[in-house]
């Protein structure tokens, strides 16, 4: 990403190339250094990525067209919203390269998991171990929840399942 202050002769060239390169189940990651004066994502980008089978988008910047994006069902994790587009304010200068958001390095092939609680990046080399541990913890949490809902005291459920 590069800040620009005028509309380039060929606007969006890097963005269009990156959109055409996104693959099935990939997450489009756009760092902005927390820019607060432009939206780097919107309905048209979500439509492009959704049509290519992408899994979602992640940015530390702002987005627009939230109602349309929600209607598309395309997951986008962002820092907020603003109505201004990025033309003449932001240009993508590379894709399929390492980047950083809030000091976290993100490499192509890393696992990106985001929901309403936040985002976690798992380096490619650790995906199998981390996903396995997360699924195991989730299974134990279901057991804890079911036991407590059925009347088991929380202290007993914690002793039995080891999660809270």
Foldseek 3Di string as FASTA:
>chain_A
DDWFQFFDPDHQPQVVVQLVPDAAQAEAEDEDVADAPAAAEELVSQVSNVVRNYQAYEYQYAHDHVVNSVVVVHHYHYNYYDPHHCGRTDYDDDPQAWDDDPRDIAHPQWDWDADPVGIDTHGNVCVVVVVVVVVLLVVLVVVLVVCVVVPDDNVVSCVVSVHD
